[in-house]
């Protein structure tokens, strides 16, 4: 499967939005996370990160509150759903829910 790209598109998100890419670690999640981070956002700068702890979510919310669009990756919807403004779910490549 070719990695996702974000060329010739215009993405729009409110300044300060925290977007979580949720799925199993691997090339698909990394590619989507980086494509979103490199996309030509219409509002403000963007940062990307991989979330590894609950405390990291609070720091990302603080960064988003400063008006920066944040794209974060994690492997659990439980953590992302409690903190992110928008969640992008990737399918499990093995078909396991």
PDB file of N, CA and C in Angstrom:
ATOM      1  N   UNK A   1       0.855  -1.180   0.000  1.00  0.00           N
ATOM      2  CA  UNK A   1       0.000   0.000   0.000  1.00  0.00           C
ATOM      3  C   UNK A   1       0.897   1.239   0.000  1.00  0.00           C
ATOM      4  N   UNK A   2       0.584   2.197  -0.856  1.00  0.00           N
ATOM      5  CA  UNK A   2       1.353   3.435  -0.914  1.00  0.00           C
ATOM      6  C   UNK A   2       1.053   4.292   0.302  1.00  0.00           C
ATOM      7  N   UNK A   3       2.067   4.994   0.817  1.00  0.00           N
ATOM      8  CA  UNK A   3       1.820   5.852   1.968  1.00  0.00           C
ATOM      9  C   UNK A   3       0.921   7.019   1.590  1.00  0.00           C
ATOM     10  N   UNK A   4       0.071   7.487   2.520  1.00  0.00           N
ATOM     11  CA  UNK A   4      -0.795   8.619   2.213  1.00  0.00           C
ATOM     12  C   UNK A   4       0.030   9.881   1.976  1.00  0.00           C
ATOM     13  N   UNK A   5      -0.454  10.721   1.100  1.00  0.00           N
ATOM     14  CA  UNK A   5       0.200  12.004   0.858  1.00  0.00           C
ATOM     15  C   UNK A   5      -0.826  13.109   0.994  1.00  0.00           C
ATOM     16  N   UNK A   6      -0.345  14.303   1.169  1.00  0.00           N
ATOM     17  CA  UNK A   6      -1.238  15.448   1.326  1.00  0.00           C
ATOM     18  C   UNK A   6      -0.840  16.542   0.355  1.00  0.00           C
ATOM     19  N   UNK A   7      -0.693  16.181  -0.917  1.00  0.00           N
ATOM     20  CA  UNK A   7      -0.352  17.168  -1.926  1.00  0.00           C
ATOM     21  C   UNK A   7      -1.614  17.583  -2.664  1.00  0.00           C
ATOM     22  N   UNK A   8      -1.611  18.799  -3.116  1.00  0.00           N
ATOM     23  CA  UNK A   8      -2.728  19.347  -3.885  1.00  0.00           C
ATOM     24  C   UNK A   8      -4.057  19.307  -3.138  1.00  0.00           C
ATOM     25  N   UNK A   9      -4.010  19.413  -1.836  1.00  0.00           N
ATOM     26  CA  UNK A   9      -5.229  19.516  -1.046  1.00  0.00           C
ATOM     27  C   UNK A   9      -5.061  20.657  -0.053  1.00  0.00           C
ATOM     28  N   UNK A  10      -6.156  21.179   0.402  1.00  0.00           N
ATOM     29  CA  UNK A  10      -6.120  22.214   1.428  1.00  0.00           C
ATOM     30  C   UNK A  10      -6.919  21.708   2.623  1.00  0.00           C
ATOM     31  N   UNK A  11      -6.240  21.492   3.699  1.00  0.00           N
ATOM     32  CA  UNK A  11      -6.913  21.031   4.912  1.00  0.00           C
ATOM     33  C   UNK A  11      -7.256  22.226   5.769  1.00  0.00           C
ATOM     34  N   UNK A  12      -8.352  22.122   6.444  1.00  0.00           N
ATOM     35  CA  UNK A  12      -8.763  23.205   7.319  1.00  0.00           C
ATOM     36  C   UNK A  12      -9.067  22.646   8.694  1.00  0.00           C
ATOM     37  N   UNK A  13      -8.521  23.278   9.676  1.00  0.00           N
ATOM     38  CA  UNK A  13      -8.792  22.919  11.066  1.00  0.00           C
ATOM     39  C   UNK A  13      -8.738  24.203  11.858  1.00  0.00           C
ATOM     40  N   UNK A  14      -9.566  24.315  12.857  1.00  0.00           N
ATOM     41  CA  UNK A  14      -9.477  25.505  13.692  1.00  0.00           C
ATOM     42  C   UNK A  14      -8.088  25.613  14.312  1.00  0.00           C
ATOM     43  N   UNK A  15      -7.582  26.815  14.413  1.00  0.00           N
ATOM     44  CA  UNK A  15      -6.298  27.000  15.082  1.00  0.00           C
ATOM     45  C   UNK A  15      -6.397  26.387  16.466  1.00  0.00           C
ATOM     46  N   UNK A  16      -5.399  25.640  16.833  1.00  0.00           N
ATOM     47  CA  UNK A  16      -5.390  25.026  18.147  1.00  0.00           C
ATOM     48  C   UNK A  16      -6.115  23.706  18.242  1.00  0.00           C
ATOM     49  N   UNK A  17      -6.378  23.060  17.111  1.00  0.00           N
ATOM     50  CA  UNK A  17      -7.046  21.759  17.153  1.00  0.00           C
ATOM     51  C   UNK A  17      -6.028  20.662  17.435  1.00  0.00           C
ATOM     52  N   UNK A  18      -6.411  19.705  18.260  1.00  0.00           N
ATOM     53  CA  UNK A  18      -5.589  18.540  18.570  1.00  0.00           C
ATOM     54  C   UNK A  18      -6.193  17.343  17.859  1.00  0.00           C
ATOM     55  N   UNK A  19      -5.474  16.826  16.858  1.00  0.00           N
ATOM     56  CA  UNK A  19      -5.946  15.711  16.032  1.00  0.00           C
ATOM     57  C   UNK A  19      -5.157  14.471  16.427  1.00  0.00           C
ATOM     58  N   UNK A  20      -5.854  13.395  16.755  1.00  0.00           N
ATOM     59  CA  UNK A  20      -5.191  12.141  17.119  1.00  0.00           C
ATOM     60  C   UNK A  20      -5.348  11.131  15.992  1.00  0.00           C
ATOM     61  N   UNK A  21      -4.235  10.557  15.566  1.00  0.00           N
ATOM     62  CA  UNK A  21      -4.229   9.459  14.605  1.00  0.00           C
ATOM     63  C   UNK A  21      -4.098   8.189  15.436  1.00  0.00           C
ATOM     64  N   UNK A  22      -5.144   7.367  15.443  1.00  0.00           N
ATOM     65  CA  UNK A  22      -5.177   6.179  16.295  1.00  0.00           C
ATOM     66  C   UNK A  22      -5.109   4.925  15.445  1.00  0.00           C
ATOM     67  N   UNK A  23      -4.164   4.076  15.770  1.00  0.00           N
ATOM     68  CA  UNK A  23      -4.006   2.814  15.068  1.00  0.00           C
ATOM     69  C   UNK A  23      -2.769   2.112  15.557  1.00  0.00           C
ATOM     70  N   UNK A  24      -2.568   0.888  15.109  1.00  0.00           N
ATOM     71  CA  UNK A  24      -1.392   0.146  15.550  1.00  0.00           C
ATOM     72  C   UNK A  24      -0.122   0.832  15.050  1.00  0.00           C
ATOM     73  N   UNK A  25       0.944   0.798  15.845  1.00  0.00           N
ATOM     74  CA  UNK A  25       2.201   1.390  15.390  1.00  0.00           C
ATOM     75  C   UNK A  25       2.649   0.730  14.082  1.00  0.00           C
ATOM     76  N   UNK A  26       3.221   1.525  13.231  1.00  0.00           N
ATOM     77  CA  UNK A  26       3.708   0.985  11.969  1.00  0.00           C
ATOM     78  C   UNK A  26       3.750   2.042  10.893  1.00  0.00           C
ATOM     79  N   UNK A  27       4.079   1.634   9.680  1.00  0.00           N
ATOM     80  CA  UNK A  27       4.277   2.597   8.598  1.00  0.00           C
ATOM     81  C   UNK A  27       3.015   3.352   8.188  1.00  0.00           C
ATOM     82  N   UNK A  28       1.834   2.710   8.260  1.00  0.00           N
ATOM     83  CA  UNK A  28       0.611   3.425   7.868  1.00  0.00           C
ATOM     84  C   UNK A  28       0.341   4.592   8.810  1.00  0.00           C
ATOM     85  N   UNK A  29       0.412   4.343  10.106  1.00  0.00           N
ATOM     86  CA  UNK A  29       0.145   5.404  11.077  1.00  0.00           C
ATOM     87  C   UNK A  29       1.187   6.513  10.962  1.00  0.00           C
ATOM     88  N   UNK A  30       2.442   6.139  10.844  1.00  0.00           N
ATOM     89  CA  UNK A  30       3.502   7.144  10.728  1.00  0.00           C
ATOM     90  C   UNK A  30       3.340   7.984   9.468  1.00  0.00           C
ATOM     91  N   UNK A  31       3.026   7.327   8.359  1.00  0.00           N
ATOM     92  CA  UNK A  31       2.869   8.049   7.095  1.00  0.00           C
ATOM     93  C   UNK A  31       1.702   9.028   7.161  1.00  0.00           C
ATOM     94  N   UNK A  32       0.566   8.581   7.722  1.00  0.00           N
ATOM     95  CA  UNK A  32      -0.579   9.479   7.829  1.00  0.00           C
ATOM     96  C   UNK A  32      -0.277  10.635   8.774  1.00  0.00           C
ATOM     97  N   UNK A  33       0.346  10.339   9.889  1.00  0.00           N
ATOM     98  CA  UNK A  33       0.700  11.387  10.847  1.00  0.00           C
ATOM     99  C   UNK A  33       1.596  12.435  10.185  1.00  0.00           C
ATOM    100  N   UNK A  34       2.608  11.998   9.454  1.00  0.00           N
ATOM    101  CA  UNK A  34       3.518  12.941   8.815  1.00  0.00           C
ATOM    102  C   UNK A  34       2.855  13.670   7.646  1.00  0.00           C
ATOM    103  N   UNK A  35       1.977  12.988   6.914  1.00  0.00           N
ATOM    104  CA  UNK A  35       1.258  13.651   5.830  1.00  0.00           C
ATOM    105  C   UNK A  35       0.371  14.765   6.384  1.00  0.00           C
ATOM    106  N   UNK A  36      -0.307  14.501   7.496  1.00  0.00           N
ATOM    107  CA  UNK A  36      -1.134  15.540   8.110  1.00  0.00           C
ATOM    108  C   UNK A  36      -0.278  16.685   8.625  1.00  0.00           C
ATOM    109  N   UNK A  37       0.859  16.354   9.210  1.00  0.00           N
ATOM    110  CA  UNK A  37       1.730  17.396   9.728  1.00  0.00           C
ATOM    111  C   UNK A  37       2.299  18.267   8.609  1.00  0.00           C
ATOM    112  N   UNK A  38       2.603  17.653   7.460  1.00  0.00           N
ATOM    113  CA  UNK A  38       3.191  18.397   6.343  1.00  0.00           C
ATOM    114  C   UNK A  38       2.146  19.051   5.444  1.00  0.00           C
ATOM    115  N   UNK A  39       0.868  18.804   5.725  1.00  0.00           N
ATOM    116  CA  UNK A  39      -0.206  19.344   4.888  1.00  0.00           C
ATOM    117  C   UNK A  39      -0.243  20.869   4.978  1.00  0.00           C
ATOM    118  N   UNK A  40      -0.740  21.498   3.919  1.00  0.00           N
ATOM    119  CA  UNK A  40      -0.822  22.965   3.909  1.00  0.00           C
ATOM    120  C   UNK A  40      -2.021  23.471   4.718  1.00  0.00           C
ATOM    121  N   UNK A  41      -1.912  23.420   6.026  1.00  0.00           N
ATOM    122  CA  UNK A  41      -3.002  23.889   6.889  1.00  0.00           C
ATOM    123  C   UNK A  41      -3.272  25.355   6.622  1.00  0.00           C
ATOM    124  N   UNK A  42      -4.519  25.718   6.607  1.00  0.00           N
ATOM    125  CA  UNK A  42      -4.899  27.104   6.349  1.00  0.00           C
ATOM    126  C   UNK A  42      -4.709  27.999   7.568  1.00  0.00           C
ATOM    127  N   UNK A  43      -4.656  27.425   8.741  1.00  0.00           N
ATOM    128  CA  UNK A  43      -4.587  28.253   9.940  1.00  0.00           C
ATOM    129  C   UNK A  43      -3.423  27.843  10.827  1.00  0.00           C
ATOM    130  N   UNK A  44      -2.418  28.646  10.842  1.00  0.00           N
ATOM    131  CA  UNK A  44      -1.345  28.492  11.809  1.00  0.00           C
ATOM    132  C   UNK A  44      -0.420  27.314  11.596  1.00  0.00           C
ATOM    133  N   UNK A  45       0.602  27.255  12.419  1.00  0.00           N
ATOM    134  CA  UNK A  45       1.595  26.188  12.323  1.00  0.00           C
ATOM    135  C   UNK A  45       1.067  24.872  12.861  1.00  0.00           C
ATOM    136  N   UNK A  46       1.785  23.797  12.576  1.00  0.00           N
ATOM    137  CA  UNK A  46       1.400  22.475  13.068  1.00  0.00           C
ATOM    138  C   UNK A  46       2.623  21.791  13.660  1.00  0.00           C
ATOM    139  N   UNK A  47       2.380  20.957  14.638  1.00  0.00           N
ATOM    140  CA  UNK A  47       3.444  20.128  15.198  1.00  0.00           C
ATOM    141  C   UNK A  47       2.957  18.693  15.208  1.00  0.00           C
ATOM    142  N   UNK A  48       3.874  17.762  15.231  1.00  0.00           N
ATOM    143  CA  UNK A  48       3.516  16.351  15.257  1.00  0.00           C
ATOM    144  C   UNK A  48       4.272  15.657  16.379  1.00  0.00           C
ATOM    145  N   UNK A  49       3.675  14.645  16.937  1.00  0.00           N
ATOM    146  CA  UNK A  49       4.315  13.918  18.019  1.00  0.00           C
ATOM    147  C   UNK A  49       3.699  12.534  18.139  1.00  0.00           C
ATOM    148  N   UNK A  50       4.374  11.654  18.829  1.00  0.00           N
ATOM    149  CA  UNK A  50       3.818  10.364  19.197  1.00  0.00           C
ATOM    150  C   UNK A  50       3.556  10.404  20.695  1.00  0.00           C
ATOM    151  N   UNK A  51       2.333  10.163  21.080  1.00  0.00           N
ATOM    152  CA  UNK A  51       1.943  10.241  22.483  1.00  0.00           C
ATOM    153  C   UNK A  51       2.340   8.949  23.185  1.00  0.00           C
ATOM    154  N   UNK A  52       3.024   9.076  24.308  1.00  0.00           N
ATOM    155  CA  UNK A  52       3.463   7.884  25.024  1.00  0.00           C
ATOM    156  C   UNK A  52       2.921   7.815  26.451  1.00  0.00           C
ATOM    157  N   UNK A  53       2.338   8.892  26.932  1.00  0.00           N
ATOM    158  CA  UNK A  53       1.821   8.864  28.302  1.00  0.00           C
ATOM    159  C   UNK A  53       0.628   9.799  28.432  1.00  0.00           C
ATOM    160  N   UNK A  54      -0.147   9.588  29.485  1.00  0.00           N
ATOM    161  CA  UNK A  54      -1.302  10.451  29.726  1.00  0.00           C
ATOM    162  C   UNK A  54      -0.860  11.887  29.965  1.00  0.00           C
ATOM    163  N   UNK A  55       0.254  12.080  30.642  1.00  0.00           N
ATOM    164  CA  UNK A  55       0.759  13.420  30.886  1.00  0.00           C
ATOM    165  C   UNK A  55       1.083  14.161  29.602  1.00  0.00           C
ATOM    166  N   UNK A  56       1.492  13.425  28.571  1.00  0.00           N
ATOM    167  CA  UNK A  56       1.801  14.053  27.284  1.00  0.00           C
ATOM    168  C   UNK A  56       0.554  14.690  26.680  1.00  0.00           C
ATOM    169  N   UNK A  57      -0.605  14.060  26.864  1.00  0.00           N
ATOM    170  CA  UNK A  57      -1.855  14.639  26.327  1.00  0.00           C
ATOM    171  C   UNK A  57      -2.110  16.013  26.926  1.00  0.00           C
ATOM    172  N   UNK A  58      -1.860  16.171  28.203  1.00  0.00           N
ATOM    173  CA  UNK A  58      -2.103  17.468  28.847  1.00  0.00           C
ATOM    174  C   UNK A  58      -1.176  18.536  28.272  1.00  0.00           C
ATOM    175  N   UNK A  59       0.071  18.166  27.998  1.00  0.00           N
ATOM    176  CA  UNK A  59       1.000  19.107  27.387  1.00  0.00           C
ATOM    177  C   UNK A  59       0.559  19.454  25.961  1.00  0.00           C
ATOM    178  N   UNK A  60       0.078  18.462  25.206  1.00  0.00           N
ATOM    179  CA  UNK A  60      -0.394  18.732  23.848  1.00  0.00           C
ATOM    180  C   UNK A  60      -1.620  19.637  23.866  1.00  0.00           C
ATOM    181  N   UNK A  61      -2.507  19.442  24.832  1.00  0.00           N
ATOM    182  CA  UNK A  61      -3.664  20.346  24.962  1.00  0.00           C
ATOM    183  C   UNK A  61      -3.206  21.771  25.244  1.00  0.00           C
ATOM    184  N   UNK A  62      -2.150  21.918  26.050  1.00  0.00           N
ATOM    185  CA  UNK A  62      -1.614  23.248  26.359  1.00  0.00           C
ATOM    186  C   UNK A  62      -1.067  23.897  25.085  1.00  0.00           C
ATOM    187  N   UNK A  63      -0.351  23.123  24.277  1.00  0.00           N
ATOM    188  CA  UNK A  63       0.193  23.638  23.012  1.00  0.00           C
ATOM    189  C   UNK A  63      -0.949  24.036  22.081  1.00  0.00           C
ATOM    190  N   UNK A  64      -1.974  23.188  21.983  1.00  0.00           N
ATOM    191  CA  UNK A  64      -3.128  23.502  21.136  1.00  0.00           C
ATOM    192  C   UNK A  64      -3.840  24.765  21.621  1.00  0.00           C
ATOM    193  N   UNK A  65      -3.937  24.922  22.921  1.00  0.00           N
ATOM    194  CA  UNK A  65      -4.599  26.117  23.476  1.00  0.00           C
ATOM    195  C   UNK A  65      -3.849  27.395  23.090  1.00  0.00           C
ATOM    196  N   UNK A  66      -2.573  27.268  22.753  1.00  0.00           N
ATOM    197  CA  UNK A  66      -1.783  28.421  22.324  1.00  0.00           C
ATOM    198  C   UNK A  66      -2.012  28.729  20.839  1.00  0.00           C
ATOM    199  N   UNK A  67      -2.897  27.954  20.168  1.00  0.00           N
ATOM    200  CA  UNK A  67      -3.240  28.243  18.780  1.00  0.00           C
ATOM    201  C   UNK A  67      -2.487  27.430  17.749  1.00  0.00           C
ATOM    202  N   UNK A  68      -1.811  26.371  18.181  1.00  0.00           N
ATOM    203  CA  UNK A  68      -1.046  25.540  17.262  1.00  0.00           C
ATOM    204  C   UNK A  68      -1.821  24.256  16.991  1.00  0.00           C
ATOM    205  N   UNK A  69      -1.966  23.894  15.705  1.00  0.00           N
ATOM    206  CA  UNK A  69      -2.608  22.639  15.354  1.00  0.00           C
ATOM    207  C   UNK A  69      -1.646  21.508  15.668  1.00  0.00           C
ATOM    208  N   UNK A  70      -2.103  20.519  16.431  1.00  0.00           N
ATOM    209  CA  UNK A  70      -1.251  19.410  16.867  1.00  0.00           C
ATOM    210  C   UNK A  70      -1.777  18.113  16.259  1.00  0.00           C
ATOM    211  N   UNK A  71      -0.871  17.327  15.650  1.00  0.00           N
ATOM    212  CA  UNK A  71      -1.200  16.008  15.130  1.00  0.00           C
ATOM    213  C   UNK A  71      -0.426  15.008  15.968  1.00  0.00           C
ATOM    214  N   UNK A  72      -1.144  14.156  16.702  1.00  0.00           N
ATOM    215  CA  UNK A  72      -0.513  13.185  17.597  1.00  0.00           C
ATOM    216  C   UNK A  72      -0.911  11.777  17.181  1.00  0.00           C
ATOM    217  N   UNK A  73      -0.056  10.810  17.474  1.00  0.00           N
ATOM    218  CA  UNK A  73      -0.350   9.417  17.159  1.00  0.00           C
ATOM    219  C   UNK A  73      -0.370   8.606  18.439  1.00  0.00           C
ATOM    220  N   UNK A  74      -1.291   7.661  18.512  1.00  0.00           N
ATOM    221  CA  UNK A  74      -1.346   6.751  19.648  1.00  0.00           C
ATOM    222  C   UNK A  74      -2.057   5.482  19.207  1.00  0.00           C
ATOM    223  N   UNK A  75      -2.014   4.451  20.058  1.00  0.00           N
ATOM    224  CA  UNK A  75      -2.640   3.200  19.663  1.00  0.00           C
ATOM    225  C   UNK A  75      -3.882   2.856  20.447  1.00  0.00           C
ATOM    226  N   UNK A  76      -4.439   3.793  21.207  1.00  0.00           N
ATOM    227  CA  UNK A  76      -5.651   3.504  21.978  1.00  0.00           C
ATOM    228  C   UNK A  76      -6.646   4.648  21.863  1.00  0.00           C
ATOM    229  N   UNK A  77      -7.877   4.316  21.481  1.00  0.00           N
ATOM    230  CA  UNK A  77      -8.911   5.344  21.383  1.00  0.00           C
ATOM    231  C   UNK A  77      -9.309   5.870  22.749  1.00  0.00           C
ATOM    232  N   UNK A  78      -9.112   5.087  23.789  1.00  0.00           N
ATOM    233  CA  UNK A  78      -9.489   5.532  25.141  1.00  0.00           C
ATOM    234  C   UNK A  78      -8.737   6.804  25.497  1.00  0.00           C
ATOM    235  N   UNK A  79      -7.427   6.813  25.310  1.00  0.00           N
ATOM    236  CA  UNK A  79      -6.635   7.997  25.632  1.00  0.00           C
ATOM    237  C   UNK A  79      -6.963   9.158  24.703  1.00  0.00           C
ATOM    238  N   UNK A  80      -7.043   8.885  23.416  1.00  0.00           N
ATOM    239  CA  UNK A  80      -7.284   9.946  22.451  1.00  0.00           C
ATOM    240  C   UNK A  80      -8.664  10.554  22.617  1.00  0.00           C
ATOM    241  N   UNK A  81      -9.669   9.717  22.831  1.00  0.00           N
ATOM    242  CA  UNK A  81     -11.038  10.209  22.942  1.00  0.00           C
ATOM    243  C   UNK A  81     -11.252  11.166  24.090  1.00  0.00           C
ATOM    244  N   UNK A  82     -10.477  11.013  25.134  1.00  0.00           N
ATOM    245  CA  UNK A  82     -10.632  11.891  26.289  1.00  0.00           C
ATOM    246  C   UNK A  82      -9.927  13.230  26.103  1.00  0.00           C
ATOM    247  N   UNK A  83      -8.989  13.318  25.154  1.00  0.00           N
ATOM    248  CA  UNK A  83      -8.170  14.526  25.048  1.00  0.00           C
ATOM    249  C   UNK A  83      -8.196  15.221  23.699  1.00  0.00           C
ATOM    250  N   UNK A  84      -8.384  14.484  22.617  1.00  0.00           N
ATOM    251  CA  UNK A  84      -8.280  15.070  21.284  1.00  0.00           C
ATOM    252  C   UNK A  84      -9.576  15.751  20.866  1.00  0.00           C
ATOM    253  N   UNK A  85      -9.457  16.735  19.983  1.00  0.00           N
ATOM    254  CA  UNK A  85     -10.628  17.385  19.404  1.00  0.00           C
ATOM    255  C   UNK A  85     -11.187  16.568  18.246  1.00  0.00           C
ATOM    256  N   UNK A  86     -10.290  15.905  17.520  1.00  0.00           N
ATOM    257  CA  UNK A  86     -10.681  15.092  16.369  1.00  0.00           C
ATOM    258  C   UNK A  86      -9.837  13.815  16.390  1.00  0.00           C
ATOM    259  N   UNK A  87     -10.464  12.677  16.077  1.00  0.00           N
ATOM    260  CA  UNK A  87      -9.761  11.401  16.088  1.00  0.00           C
ATOM    261  C   UNK A  87      -9.887  10.757  14.705  1.00  0.00           C
ATOM    262  N   UNK A  88      -8.750  10.339  14.136  1.00  0.00           N
ATOM    263  CA  UNK A  88      -8.716   9.621  12.866  1.00  0.00           C
ATOM    264  C   UNK A  88      -8.351   8.184  13.200  1.00  0.00           C
ATOM    265  N   UNK A  89      -9.239   7.240  12.883  1.00  0.00           N
ATOM    266  CA  UNK A  89      -9.013   5.832  13.198  1.00  0.00           C
ATOM    267  C   UNK A  89      -8.474   5.096  11.982  1.00  0.00           C
ATOM    268  N   UNK A  90      -7.399   4.349  12.180  1.00  0.00           N
ATOM    269  CA  UNK A  90      -6.855   3.501  11.125  1.00  0.00           C
ATOM    270  C   UNK A  90      -7.290   2.070  11.371  1.00  0.00           C
ATOM    271  N   UNK A  91      -7.566   1.311  10.321  1.00  0.00           N
ATOM    272  CA  UNK A  91      -7.934  -0.093  10.521  1.00  0.00           C
ATOM    273  C   UNK A  91      -6.714  -0.893  10.935  1.00  0.00           C
ATOM    274  N   UNK A  92      -6.966  -1.944  11.682  1.00  0.00           N
ATOM    275  CA  UNK A  92      -5.897  -2.864  12.069  1.00  0.00           C
ATOM    276  C   UNK A  92      -5.549  -3.684  10.829  1.00  0.00           C
ATOM    277  N   UNK A  93      -4.288  -3.679  10.393  1.00  0.00           N
ATOM    278  CA  UNK A  93      -3.933  -4.404   9.168  1.00  0.00           C
ATOM    279  C   UNK A  93      -4.149  -5.912   9.268  1.00  0.00           C
ATOM    280  N   UNK A  94      -4.213  -6.445  10.481  1.00  0.00           N
ATOM    281  CA  UNK A  94      -4.453  -7.882  10.673  1.00  0.00           C
ATOM    282  C   UNK A  94      -5.931  -8.204  10.792  1.00  0.00           C
ATOM    283  N   UNK A  95      -6.771  -7.195  10.750  1.00  0.00           N
ATOM    284  CA  UNK A  95      -8.216  -7.416  10.861  1.00  0.00           C
ATOM    285  C   UNK A  95      -8.687  -7.728  12.257  1.00  0.00           C
ATOM    286  N   UNK A  96      -7.860  -7.464  13.241  1.00  0.00           N
ATOM    287  CA  UNK A  96      -8.224  -7.729  14.639  1.00  0.00           C
ATOM    288  C   UNK A  96      -8.724  -6.437  15.251  1.00  0.00           C
ATOM    289  N   UNK A  97      -9.885  -6.493  15.868  1.00  0.00           N
ATOM    290  CA  UNK A  97     -10.457  -5.290  16.464  1.00  0.00           C
ATOM    291  C   UNK A  97      -9.841  -4.999  17.802  1.00  0.00           C
TER     292      UNK A  97
END
